[in-house]
Amino acid sequence: MSRLFLFDFDGTLADSAPDLILSANYLFDKYEKKPISYEQGREIASDGVNAYLRMRFDDNYDFDSLTEEFLKHYSDNILNNTVIFEGIPEVIKTIKKKDLYWGIVTNKSRKLTEKILKFHGLINHTDILICGDDGFTPKPSPEMLISACDSMGVDVSKSIYIGDGLRDIQAAISAQMKSVIACYGYLKTTDDIESWGANFLVHHPDEIISLVTS
């Protein structure tokens, strides 16, 4: 039985795509670029700011400056549309009811992650939070996952990682912990998830409860 349930953030715990797409299109409009559709933006919402910039800007642009502009707009508008996925609060309640642990391991920055968690009342309920700027090698390295287990005093074999991207599953496999693909997240139409080697697939957060109670 797993004792520690670790979640990716964007596309797994939080549906943050709408605000990311809003910031991308703000920047595209400013520089007279064609906007992207919701569907286009959702597919890459777990891939970071650079993935959005590369959709419309070439190497003639200063990507450091563009990234700064994007993040400024995103930080200012991060709470407009972002929500916690339906079913996640019930999953967390079940984990705590079973006297188990849960946490978040994300490549997203701590400032942005905590801003969303505070707004949705979750910041004081996580047992462990490790973010992309905490000094660890980002996923797909297993470093953050292993550190989370070490901090909680839980063996990796008794831990499970839930994420919606290939790098999430690669990190979990490298850490030698069980992995779950959140198929309700930001998968791409080209993703061959059957080849990723995950232990479980879930199509709605409700399905995670069976992993908690099994």
C-alpha atoms as a PDB file:
ATOM      1  CA  MET A   1       0.000   0.000   0.000  1.00  0.00           C
ATOM      2  CA  SER A   2       1.282   3.454  -0.916  1.00  0.00           C
ATOM      3  CA  ARG A   3       1.852   5.861   1.979  1.00  0.00           C
ATOM      4  CA  LEU A   4       2.833   8.980   0.012  1.00  0.00           C
ATOM      5  CA  PHE A   5       0.855  10.321  -2.942  1.00  0.00           C
ATOM      6  CA  LEU A   6       2.751  12.911  -4.974  1.00  0.00           C
ATOM      7  CA  PHE A   7       1.070  15.016  -7.643  1.00  0.00           C
ATOM      8  CA  ASP A   8       2.323  17.046 -10.556  1.00  0.00           C
ATOM      9  CA  PHE A   9       0.649  20.464 -10.535  1.00  0.00           C
ATOM     10  CA  ASP A  10      -0.396  21.828 -13.945  1.00  0.00           C
ATOM     11  CA  GLY A  11      -2.713  19.378 -15.659  1.00  0.00           C
ATOM     12  CA  THR A  12      -2.864  17.017 -12.700  1.00  0.00           C
ATOM     13  CA  LEU A  13      -3.889  18.947  -9.605  1.00  0.00           C
ATOM     14  CA  ALA A  14      -4.755  22.336 -11.130  1.00  0.00           C
ATOM     15  CA  ASP A  15      -6.433  23.204 -14.403  1.00  0.00           C
ATOM     16  CA  SER A  16      -4.244  26.211 -15.161  1.00  0.00           C
ATOM     17  CA  ALA A  17      -4.369  26.096 -18.970  1.00  0.00           C
ATOM     18  CA  PRO A  18      -6.920  28.920 -19.434  1.00  0.00           C
ATOM     19  CA  ASP A  19      -4.756  31.516 -17.697  1.00  0.00           C
ATOM     20  CA  LEU A  20      -1.592  30.334 -19.434  1.00  0.00           C
ATOM     21  CA  ILE A  21      -3.311  30.591 -22.813  1.00  0.00           C
ATOM     22  CA  LEU A  22      -4.625  34.039 -21.888  1.00  0.00           C
ATOM     23  CA  SER A  23      -1.077  35.236 -21.188  1.00  0.00           C
ATOM     24  CA  ALA A  24       0.254  33.662 -24.370  1.00  0.00           C
ATOM     25  CA  ASN A  25      -2.370  35.381 -26.493  1.00  0.00           C
ATOM     26  CA  TYR A  26      -1.786  38.673 -24.692  1.00  0.00           C
ATOM     27  CA  LEU A  27       1.849  38.502 -25.790  1.00  0.00           C
ATOM     28  CA  PHE A  28       0.997  37.370 -29.312  1.00  0.00           C
ATOM     29  CA  ASP A  29      -1.432  40.249 -29.711  1.00  0.00           C
ATOM     30  CA  LYS A  30       1.145  42.732 -28.426  1.00  0.00           C
ATOM     31  CA  TYR A  31       3.652  41.577 -31.039  1.00  0.00           C
ATOM     32  CA  GLU A  32       0.997  41.236 -33.772  1.00  0.00           C
ATOM     33  CA  LYS A  33       1.168  37.451 -33.907  1.00  0.00           C
ATOM     34  CA  LYS A  34      -1.714  35.106 -34.633  1.00  0.00           C
ATOM     35  CA  PRO A  35      -3.483  33.938 -31.449  1.00  0.00           C
ATOM     36  CA  ILE A  36      -3.620  30.272 -30.523  1.00  0.00           C
ATOM     37  CA  SER A  37      -6.814  28.348 -29.875  1.00  0.00           C
ATOM     38  CA  TYR A  38      -7.698  26.877 -26.510  1.00  0.00           C
ATOM     39  CA  GLU A  39      -7.064  23.393 -27.890  1.00  0.00           C
ATOM     40  CA  GLN A  40      -3.595  24.347 -29.143  1.00  0.00           C
ATOM     41  CA  GLY A  41      -2.688  25.976 -25.853  1.00  0.00           C
ATOM     42  CA  ARG A  42      -4.042  23.230 -23.633  1.00  0.00           C
ATOM     43  CA  GLU A  43      -1.833  20.574 -25.198  1.00  0.00           C
ATOM     44  CA  ILE A  44       1.344  22.374 -24.147  1.00  0.00           C
ATOM     45  CA  ALA A  45       0.186  23.793 -20.818  1.00  0.00           C
ATOM     46  CA  SER A  46       2.505  21.425 -18.943  1.00  0.00           C
ATOM     47  CA  ASP A  47       5.520  22.255 -21.102  1.00  0.00           C
ATOM     48  CA  GLY A  48       6.454  25.676 -19.725  1.00  0.00           C
ATOM     49  CA  VAL A  49       6.554  29.208 -21.075  1.00  0.00           C
ATOM     50  CA  ASN A  50       9.107  28.458 -23.792  1.00  0.00           C
ATOM     51  CA  ALA A  51       6.711  26.024 -25.447  1.00  0.00           C
ATOM     52  CA  TYR A  52       4.217  28.848 -25.923  1.00  0.00           C
ATOM     53  CA  LEU A  53       6.817  31.315 -27.147  1.00  0.00           C
ATOM     54  CA  ARG A  54       8.149  28.866 -29.731  1.00  0.00           C
ATOM     55  CA  MET A  55       4.707  28.662 -31.304  1.00  0.00           C
ATOM     56  CA  ARG A  56       4.974  32.211 -32.633  1.00  0.00           C
ATOM     57  CA  PHE A  57       8.498  33.604 -32.102  1.00  0.00           C
ATOM     58  CA  ASP A  58      11.747  32.690 -33.818  1.00  0.00           C
ATOM     59  CA  ASP A  59      15.349  33.176 -32.711  1.00  0.00           C
ATOM     60  CA  ASN A  60      15.345  36.803 -33.836  1.00  0.00           C
ATOM     61  CA  TYR A  61      13.500  37.648 -30.614  1.00  0.00           C
ATOM     62  CA  ASP A  62      14.921  38.038 -27.121  1.00  0.00           C
ATOM     63  CA  PHE A  63      13.406  35.035 -25.359  1.00  0.00           C
ATOM     64  CA  ASP A  64      14.552  36.165 -21.916  1.00  0.00           C
ATOM     65  CA  SER A  65      12.641  39.402 -22.339  1.00  0.00           C
ATOM     66  CA  LEU A  66       9.596  37.612 -23.764  1.00  0.00           C
ATOM     67  CA  THR A  67       9.621  35.144 -20.887  1.00  0.00           C
ATOM     68  CA  GLU A  68       9.713  37.993 -18.395  1.00  0.00           C
ATOM     69  CA  GLU A  69       6.757  39.680 -20.097  1.00  0.00           C
ATOM     70  CA  PHE A  70       4.807  36.433 -20.212  1.00  0.00           C
ATOM     71  CA  LEU A  71       5.400  35.646 -16.545  1.00  0.00           C
ATOM     72  CA  LYS A  72       4.525  39.183 -15.453  1.00  0.00           C
ATOM     73  CA  HIS A  73       1.172  38.992 -17.204  1.00  0.00           C
ATOM     74  CA  TYR A  74       0.585  35.426 -16.027  1.00  0.00           C
ATOM     75  CA  SER A  75       1.371  36.257 -12.396  1.00  0.00           C
ATOM     76  CA  ASP A  76      -1.006  39.209 -12.520  1.00  0.00           C
ATOM     77  CA  ASN A  77      -3.806  37.073 -13.979  1.00  0.00           C
ATOM     78  CA  ILE A  78      -3.036  33.658 -12.530  1.00  0.00           C
ATOM     79  CA  LEU A  79      -6.224  33.442 -10.466  1.00  0.00           C
ATOM     80  CA  ASN A  80      -8.708  34.535 -13.126  1.00  0.00           C
ATOM     81  CA  ASN A  81      -9.675  31.082 -14.406  1.00  0.00           C
ATOM     82  CA  THR A  82      -7.416  28.481 -12.775  1.00  0.00           C
ATOM     83  CA  VAL A  83      -9.273  25.887 -10.708  1.00  0.00           C
ATOM     84  CA  ILE A  84      -8.471  22.689  -8.857  1.00  0.00           C
ATOM     85  CA  PHE A  85      -9.642  19.739 -10.929  1.00  0.00           C
ATOM     86  CA  GLU A  86     -13.018  18.339  -9.948  1.00  0.00           C
ATOM     87  CA  GLY A  87     -12.559  15.371  -7.643  1.00  0.00           C
ATOM     88  CA  ILE A  88      -9.125  16.359  -6.302  1.00  0.00           C
ATOM     89  CA  PRO A  89     -10.460  17.713  -2.975  1.00  0.00           C
ATOM     90  CA  GLU A  90     -12.186  14.374  -2.372  1.00  0.00           C
ATOM     91  CA  VAL A  91      -8.965  12.521  -3.172  1.00  0.00           C
ATOM     92  CA  ILE A  92      -7.065  14.647  -0.653  1.00  0.00           C
ATOM     93  CA  LYS A  93      -9.736  14.067   2.008  1.00  0.00           C
ATOM     94  CA  THR A  94      -9.503  10.321   1.459  1.00  0.00           C
ATOM     95  CA  ILE A  95      -5.708  10.371   1.731  1.00  0.00           C
ATOM     96  CA  LYS A  96      -5.844  12.290   5.017  1.00  0.00           C
ATOM     97  CA  LYS A  97      -8.664  10.117   6.360  1.00  0.00           C
ATOM     98  CA  LYS A  98      -6.440   7.083   5.811  1.00  0.00           C
ATOM     99  CA  ASP A  99      -3.597   8.811   7.727  1.00  0.00           C
ATOM    100  CA  LEU A 100      -1.482   8.838   4.595  1.00  0.00           C
ATOM    101  CA  TYR A 101       0.592  11.681   3.106  1.00  0.00           C
ATOM    102  CA  TRP A 102       0.268  13.760  -0.033  1.00  0.00           C
ATOM    103  CA  GLY A 103       2.299  16.434  -1.727  1.00  0.00           C
ATOM    104  CA  ILE A 104       3.172  18.242  -4.928  1.00  0.00           C
ATOM    105  CA  VAL A 105       6.299  17.925  -7.055  1.00  0.00           C
ATOM    106  CA  THR A 106       6.300  20.363  -9.964  1.00  0.00           C
ATOM    107  CA  ASN A 107       8.676  22.119 -12.333  1.00  0.00           C
ATOM    108  CA  LYS A 108       6.561  25.271 -11.851  1.00  0.00           C
ATOM    109  CA  SER A 109       8.088  28.027  -9.731  1.00  0.00           C
ATOM    110  CA  ARG A 110       7.295  28.150  -6.012  1.00  0.00           C
ATOM    111  CA  LYS A 111       5.922  31.703  -6.170  1.00  0.00           C
ATOM    112  CA  LEU A 112       3.326  30.832  -8.803  1.00  0.00           C
ATOM    113  CA  THR A 113       2.462  27.440  -7.319  1.00  0.00           C
ATOM    114  CA  GLU A 114       1.961  28.843  -3.824  1.00  0.00           C
ATOM    115  CA  LYS A 115      -0.148  31.714  -5.158  1.00  0.00           C
ATOM    116  CA  ILE A 116      -2.649  29.248  -6.614  1.00  0.00           C
ATOM    117  CA  LEU A 117      -2.566  26.932  -3.595  1.00  0.00           C
ATOM    118  CA  LYS A 118      -3.172  29.801  -1.169  1.00  0.00           C
ATOM    119  CA  PHE A 119      -6.107  31.081  -3.215  1.00  0.00           C
ATOM    120  CA  HIS A 120      -7.732  27.641  -3.205  1.00  0.00           C
ATOM    121  CA  GLY A 121      -7.032  26.972   0.465  1.00  0.00           C
ATOM    122  CA  LEU A 122      -4.595  24.108  -0.032  1.00  0.00           C
ATOM    123  CA  ILE A 123      -1.268  25.656   0.947  1.00  0.00           C
ATOM    124  CA  ASN A 124      -1.505  24.520   4.577  1.00  0.00           C
ATOM    125  CA  HIS A 125      -2.779  21.048   3.737  1.00  0.00           C
ATOM    126  CA  THR A 126       0.139  19.733   1.702  1.00  0.00           C
ATOM    127  CA  ASP A 127       2.611  17.524   3.540  1.00  0.00           C
ATOM    128  CA  ILE A 128       5.394  18.314   1.070  1.00  0.00           C
ATOM    129  CA  LEU A 129       5.812  20.832  -1.765  1.00  0.00           C
ATOM    130  CA  ILE A 130       8.829  20.794  -4.057  1.00  0.00           C
ATOM    131  CA  CYS A 131       9.004  23.280  -6.929  1.00  0.00           C
ATOM    132  CA  GLY A 132      11.142  23.806  -9.992  1.00  0.00           C
ATOM    133  CA  ASP A 133      13.217  26.609  -8.489  1.00  0.00           C
ATOM    134  CA  ASP A 134      14.005  24.845  -5.201  1.00  0.00           C
ATOM    135  CA  GLY A 135      17.486  23.895  -6.380  1.00  0.00           C
ATOM    136  CA  PHE A 136      16.856  20.380  -7.683  1.00  0.00           C
ATOM    137  CA  THR A 137      17.345  19.066 -11.198  1.00  0.00           C
ATOM    138  CA  PRO A 138      13.903  19.340 -12.837  1.00  0.00           C
ATOM    139  CA  LYS A 139      11.881  16.402 -14.109  1.00  0.00           C
ATOM    140  CA  PRO A 140      12.441  14.057 -15.894  1.00  0.00           C
ATOM    141  CA  SER A 141      15.237  13.742 -13.333  1.00  0.00           C
ATOM    142  CA  PRO A 142      14.016  11.741 -10.320  1.00  0.00           C
ATOM    143  CA  GLU A 143      15.828  14.090  -7.938  1.00  0.00           C
ATOM    144  CA  MET A 144      12.773  16.036  -6.757  1.00  0.00           C
ATOM    145  CA  LEU A 145      10.708  12.895  -6.229  1.00  0.00           C
ATOM    146  CA  ILE A 146      13.437  11.182  -4.242  1.00  0.00           C
ATOM    147  CA  SER A 147      13.913  14.308  -2.132  1.00  0.00           C
ATOM    148  CA  ALA A 148      10.177  14.417  -1.387  1.00  0.00           C
ATOM    149  CA  CYS A 149      10.270  10.809  -0.176  1.00  0.00           C
ATOM    150  CA  ASP A 150      13.374  11.440   1.916  1.00  0.00           C
ATOM    151  CA  SER A 151      11.802  14.530   3.501  1.00  0.00           C
ATOM    152  CA  MET A 152       8.696  12.570   4.439  1.00  0.00           C
ATOM    153  CA  GLY A 153      10.636   9.522   5.623  1.00  0.00           C
ATOM    154  CA  VAL A 154       8.771   7.300   3.180  1.00  0.00           C
ATOM    155  CA  ASP A 155      10.540   4.749   0.983  1.00  0.00           C
ATOM    156  CA  VAL A 156      10.116   5.292  -2.758  1.00  0.00           C
ATOM    157  CA  SER A 157       8.591   1.822  -2.996  1.00  0.00           C
ATOM    158  CA  LYS A 158       5.749   3.054  -0.779  1.00  0.00           C
ATOM    159  CA  SER A 159       5.213   6.198  -2.855  1.00  0.00           C
ATOM    160  CA  ILE A 160       3.301   6.960  -6.026  1.00  0.00           C
ATOM    161  CA  TYR A 161       3.524   9.855  -8.504  1.00  0.00           C
ATOM    162  CA  ILE A 162       0.604  11.136 -10.551  1.00  0.00           C
ATOM    163  CA  GLY A 163       1.292  13.280 -13.607  1.00  0.00           C
ATOM    164  CA  ASP A 164       0.021  14.101 -17.079  1.00  0.00           C
ATOM    165  CA  GLY A 165       3.310  14.262 -18.991  1.00  0.00           C
ATOM    166  CA  LEU A 166       5.940  11.847 -20.234  1.00  0.00           C
ATOM    167  CA  ARG A 167       8.613  13.471 -18.074  1.00  0.00           C
ATOM    168  CA  ASP A 168       6.464  12.832 -14.985  1.00  0.00           C
ATOM    169  CA  ILE A 169       6.348   9.127 -15.689  1.00  0.00           C
ATOM    170  CA  GLN A 170      10.041   9.032 -16.623  1.00  0.00           C
ATOM    171  CA  ALA A 171      10.922  10.696 -13.314  1.00  0.00           C
ATOM    172  CA  ALA A 172       8.807   8.229 -11.345  1.00  0.00           C
ATOM    173  CA  ILE A 173      10.285   5.223 -13.136  1.00  0.00           C
ATOM    174  CA  SER A 174      13.811   6.537 -12.568  1.00  0.00           C
ATOM    175  CA  ALA A 175      12.974   7.039  -8.881  1.00  0.00           C
ATOM    176  CA  GLN A 176      11.664   3.455  -8.779  1.00  0.00           C
ATOM    177  CA  MET A 177       8.227   4.468  -7.551  1.00  0.00           C
ATOM    178  CA  LYS A 178       4.806   3.650  -8.948  1.00  0.00           C
ATOM    179  CA  SER A 179       3.405   6.037 -11.547  1.00  0.00           C
ATOM    180  CA  VAL A 180      -0.036   7.134 -12.704  1.00  0.00           C
ATOM    181  CA  ILE A 181      -0.921   8.960 -15.916  1.00  0.00           C
ATOM    182  CA  ALA A 182      -3.591  11.622 -15.377  1.00  0.00           C
ATOM    183  CA  CYS A 183      -5.359  11.194 -18.706  1.00  0.00           C
ATOM    184  CA  TYR A 184      -7.723  14.047 -17.818  1.00  0.00           C
ATOM    185  CA  GLY A 185      -4.737  16.423 -17.972  1.00  0.00           C
ATOM    186  CA  TYR A 186      -2.825  18.045 -20.789  1.00  0.00           C
ATOM    187  CA  LEU A 187      -2.045  15.084 -23.018  1.00  0.00           C
ATOM    188  CA  LYS A 188      -1.169  15.727 -26.638  1.00  0.00           C
ATOM    189  CA  THR A 189      -3.005  14.005 -29.468  1.00  0.00           C
ATOM    190  CA  THR A 190       0.355  12.557 -30.507  1.00  0.00           C
ATOM    191  CA  ASP A 191       1.169  11.089 -27.076  1.00  0.00           C
ATOM    192  CA  ASP A 192       1.585   7.317 -27.098  1.00  0.00           C
ATOM    193  CA  ILE A 193       0.806   6.837 -23.429  1.00  0.00           C
ATOM    194  CA  GLU A 194       0.754   3.054 -23.671  1.00  0.00           C
ATOM    195  CA  SER A 195       4.496   3.155 -24.352  1.00  0.00           C
ATOM    196  CA  TRP A 196       5.327   5.283 -21.314  1.00  0.00           C
ATOM    197  CA  GLY A 197       5.449   2.349 -18.907  1.00  0.00           C
ATOM    198  CA  ALA A 198       3.161   3.766 -16.207  1.00  0.00           C
ATOM    199  CA  ASN A 199       1.594   1.461 -13.640  1.00  0.00           C
ATOM    200  CA  PHE A 200      -1.869   3.010 -13.850  1.00  0.00           C
ATOM    201  CA  LEU A 201      -4.043   5.243 -16.022  1.00  0.00           C
ATOM    202  CA  VAL A 202      -6.834   7.397 -14.601  1.00  0.00           C
ATOM    203  CA  HIS A 203      -9.363   9.334 -16.650  1.00  0.00           C
ATOM    204  CA  HIS A 204     -10.845  11.320 -13.765  1.00  0.00           C
ATOM    205  CA  PRO A 205      -9.421  12.235 -10.353  1.00  0.00           C
ATOM    206  CA  ASP A 206     -12.151  10.114  -8.729  1.00  0.00           C
ATOM    207  CA  GLU A 207     -10.293   7.027  -9.963  1.00  0.00           C
ATOM    208  CA  ILE A 208      -7.288   7.925  -7.783  1.00  0.00           C
ATOM    209  CA  ILE A 209      -9.389   7.135  -4.704  1.00  0.00           C
ATOM    210  CA  SER A 210      -9.269   3.426  -5.545  1.00  0.00           C
ATOM    211  CA  LEU A 211      -5.473   3.606  -5.452  1.00  0.00           C
ATOM    212  CA  VAL A 212      -5.639   5.234  -2.026  1.00  0.00           C
ATOM    213  CA  THR A 213      -8.001   2.650  -0.561  1.00  0.00           C
ATOM    214  CA  SER A 214      -6.500  -0.455  -2.170  1.00  0.00           C
END
